[in-house]
Each structure stands twice: as structure tokens, then as C-alpha cells.
Amino acid sequence: MDEISVFKAKLGRRIAFLRERNDLTQPELGALINKDFQSISRIENGKVNLSAFTLKQISDALNVSMNDVFDFSELKSRLNRSKR
């Protein structure tokens, strides 16, 4: 997998994690940012190049900073715990 694909996959997993932490479904998040649930699914599966505006909408909807959206360190620690 190339670098951009890896990044999009990590970003999608992070957004999914933050969405679930906020007890939101894909349709609920979609409604908050005027996207359908299929769009949210594509984002979370790393299939989309997101615009800065969409990332800002997502961070606002999830009540997190943009820095939090890009904090992949929690993903690493969750993966490491699941491997044990």
C-alpha cells in the first residue's frame, strides 16, 4: 500500500473511533455534516481524499480539535493491546 493509502486508512479508523466514542452512528454523523451515511462509510474505510473543510466539519461534530483527529498514537496503542 502506498503512503497516501496508509494515511487515509489511519485517518478513517481514527474518525470511526472518535465517532463511536461519541455514541454516534454513521447516519447521525452524516446528518451533522450534511453527508449521507455512505459518504461516512467511505471516509472511515479510507476511500476518500477529504477536504480541509470536511475535516473541520467532522472535528466540530465530534467535539474534538483537528489535532485530535490526526492523533494516530491511540490507534497504535489499541492495536498493540489487541495483539497481546
C-alpha atoms as a PDB file:
ATOM      1  CA  MET A   1       0.000   0.000   0.000  1.00  0.00           C
ATOM      2  CA  ASP A   2       1.324   3.446  -0.851  1.00  0.00           C
ATOM      3  CA  GLU A   3       1.813   6.221   1.685  1.00  0.00           C
ATOM      4  CA  ILE A   4      -1.406   8.128   0.883  1.00  0.00           C
ATOM      5  CA  SER A   5      -3.486   4.941   1.149  1.00  0.00           C
ATOM      6  CA  VAL A   6      -1.981   4.151   4.537  1.00  0.00           C
ATOM      7  CA  PHE A   7      -2.664   7.697   5.726  1.00  0.00           C
ATOM      8  CA  LYS A   8      -6.296   7.642   4.513  1.00  0.00           C
ATOM      9  CA  ALA A   9      -6.844   4.275   6.219  1.00  0.00           C
ATOM     10  CA  LYS A  10      -5.431   5.564   9.528  1.00  0.00           C
ATOM     11  CA  LEU A  11      -7.467   8.750   9.292  1.00  0.00           C
ATOM     12  CA  GLY A  12     -10.621   6.763   8.577  1.00  0.00           C
ATOM     13  CA  ARG A  13     -10.034   4.451  11.541  1.00  0.00           C
ATOM     14  CA  ARG A  14      -9.420   7.460  13.766  1.00  0.00           C
ATOM     15  CA  ILE A  15     -12.640   9.158  12.653  1.00  0.00           C
ATOM     16  CA  ALA A  16     -14.583   5.922  13.226  1.00  0.00           C
ATOM     17  CA  PHE A  17     -13.089   5.618  16.714  1.00  0.00           C
ATOM     18  CA  LEU A  18     -13.988   9.211  17.598  1.00  0.00           C
ATOM     19  CA  ARG A  19     -17.495   8.793  16.171  1.00  0.00           C
ATOM     20  CA  GLU A  20     -18.091   5.644  18.213  1.00  0.00           C
ATOM     21  CA  ARG A  21     -16.661   7.308  21.318  1.00  0.00           C
ATOM     22  CA  ASN A  22     -19.328   9.987  20.862  1.00  0.00           C
ATOM     23  CA  ASP A  23     -22.028   7.285  20.553  1.00  0.00           C
ATOM     24  CA  LEU A  24     -22.893   8.372  17.020  1.00  0.00           C
ATOM     25  CA  THR A  25     -23.875   6.177  14.114  1.00  0.00           C
ATOM     26  CA  GLN A  26     -22.640   6.859  10.598  1.00  0.00           C
ATOM     27  CA  PRO A  27     -26.037   8.312   9.608  1.00  0.00           C
ATOM     28  CA  GLU A  28     -26.039  10.574  12.679  1.00  0.00           C
ATOM     29  CA  LEU A  29     -22.563  11.930  11.923  1.00  0.00           C
ATOM     30  CA  GLY A  30     -23.545  12.326   8.298  1.00  0.00           C
ATOM     31  CA  ALA A  31     -26.588  14.382   9.270  1.00  0.00           C
ATOM     32  CA  LEU A  32     -24.397  16.687  11.366  1.00  0.00           C
ATOM     33  CA  ILE A  33     -22.147  17.466   8.391  1.00  0.00           C
ATOM     34  CA  ASN A  34     -24.701  17.194   5.574  1.00  0.00           C
ATOM     35  CA  LYS A  35     -23.350  13.941   4.147  1.00  0.00           C
ATOM     36  CA  ASP A  36     -25.101  10.595   3.709  1.00  0.00           C
ATOM     37  CA  PHE A  37     -24.025   7.535   5.668  1.00  0.00           C
ATOM     38  CA  GLN A  38     -22.396   6.039   2.570  1.00  0.00           C
ATOM     39  CA  SER A  39     -20.048   9.036   2.473  1.00  0.00           C
ATOM     40  CA  ILE A  40     -19.159   8.500   6.125  1.00  0.00           C
ATOM     41  CA  SER A  41     -18.528   4.821   5.405  1.00  0.00           C
ATOM     42  CA  ARG A  42     -16.192   5.691   2.526  1.00  0.00           C
ATOM     43  CA  ILE A  43     -14.346   8.181   4.762  1.00  0.00           C
ATOM     44  CA  GLU A  44     -13.959   5.637   7.566  1.00  0.00           C
ATOM     45  CA  ASN A  45     -12.752   2.989   5.108  1.00  0.00           C
ATOM     46  CA  GLY A  46     -10.051   5.286   3.724  1.00  0.00           C
ATOM     47  CA  LYS A  47     -11.603   5.552   0.272  1.00  0.00           C
ATOM     48  CA  VAL A  48     -11.857   9.357   0.134  1.00  0.00           C
ATOM     49  CA  ASN A  49      -9.440  12.281  -0.038  1.00  0.00           C
ATOM     50  CA  LEU A  50     -11.035  14.624   2.476  1.00  0.00           C
ATOM     51  CA  SER A  51     -11.049  18.375   2.072  1.00  0.00           C
ATOM     52  CA  ALA A  52      -9.886  20.561   4.932  1.00  0.00           C
ATOM     53  CA  PHE A  53     -13.434  21.880   5.224  1.00  0.00           C
ATOM     54  CA  THR A  54     -14.907  18.387   5.644  1.00  0.00           C
ATOM     55  CA  LEU A  55     -12.257  17.543   8.240  1.00  0.00           C
ATOM     56  CA  LYS A  56     -13.166  20.711  10.129  1.00  0.00           C
ATOM     57  CA  GLN A  57     -16.860  19.807   9.970  1.00  0.00           C
ATOM     58  CA  ILE A  58     -16.092  16.331  11.315  1.00  0.00           C
ATOM     59  CA  SER A  59     -13.922  17.635  14.151  1.00  0.00           C
ATOM     60  CA  ASP A  60     -16.619  20.151  15.131  1.00  0.00           C
ATOM     61  CA  ALA A  61     -19.351  17.497  15.003  1.00  0.00           C
ATOM     62  CA  LEU A  62     -17.259  15.167  17.176  1.00  0.00           C
ATOM     63  CA  ASN A  63     -16.301  17.964  19.596  1.00  0.00           C
ATOM     64  CA  VAL A  64     -12.580  17.409  19.121  1.00  0.00           C
ATOM     65  CA  SER A  65      -9.746  19.539  17.799  1.00  0.00           C
ATOM     66  CA  MET A  66      -8.194  18.986  14.401  1.00  0.00           C
ATOM     67  CA  ASN A  67      -5.081  17.810  16.276  1.00  0.00           C
ATOM     68  CA  ASP A  68      -7.191  15.103  17.931  1.00  0.00           C
ATOM     69  CA  VAL A  69      -8.423  13.894  14.552  1.00  0.00           C
ATOM     70  CA  PHE A  70      -4.812  13.416  13.437  1.00  0.00           C
ATOM     71  CA  ASP A  71      -3.614  11.805  16.674  1.00  0.00           C
ATOM     72  CA  PHE A  72      -2.904   8.297  15.440  1.00  0.00           C
ATOM     73  CA  SER A  73      -0.946   7.335  18.588  1.00  0.00           C
ATOM     74  CA  GLU A  74      -4.104   5.991  20.209  1.00  0.00           C
ATOM     75  CA  LEU A  75      -4.621   3.720  17.212  1.00  0.00           C
ATOM     76  CA  LYS A  76      -1.149   2.262  17.713  1.00  0.00           C
ATOM     77  CA  SER A  77      -1.720   1.589  21.405  1.00  0.00           C
ATOM     78  CA  ARG A  78      -5.113  -0.046  20.709  1.00  0.00           C
ATOM     79  CA  LEU A  79      -3.543  -2.259  18.022  1.00  0.00           C
ATOM     80  CA  ASN A  80      -0.690  -3.226  20.316  1.00  0.00           C
ATOM     81  CA  ARG A  81      -3.125  -4.156  23.118  1.00  0.00           C
ATOM     82  CA  SER A  82      -5.201  -6.306  20.759  1.00  0.00           C
ATOM     83  CA  LYS A  83      -2.102  -8.258  19.629  1.00  0.00           C
ATOM     84  CA  ARG A  84      -1.372  -9.433  23.171  1.00  0.00           C
END
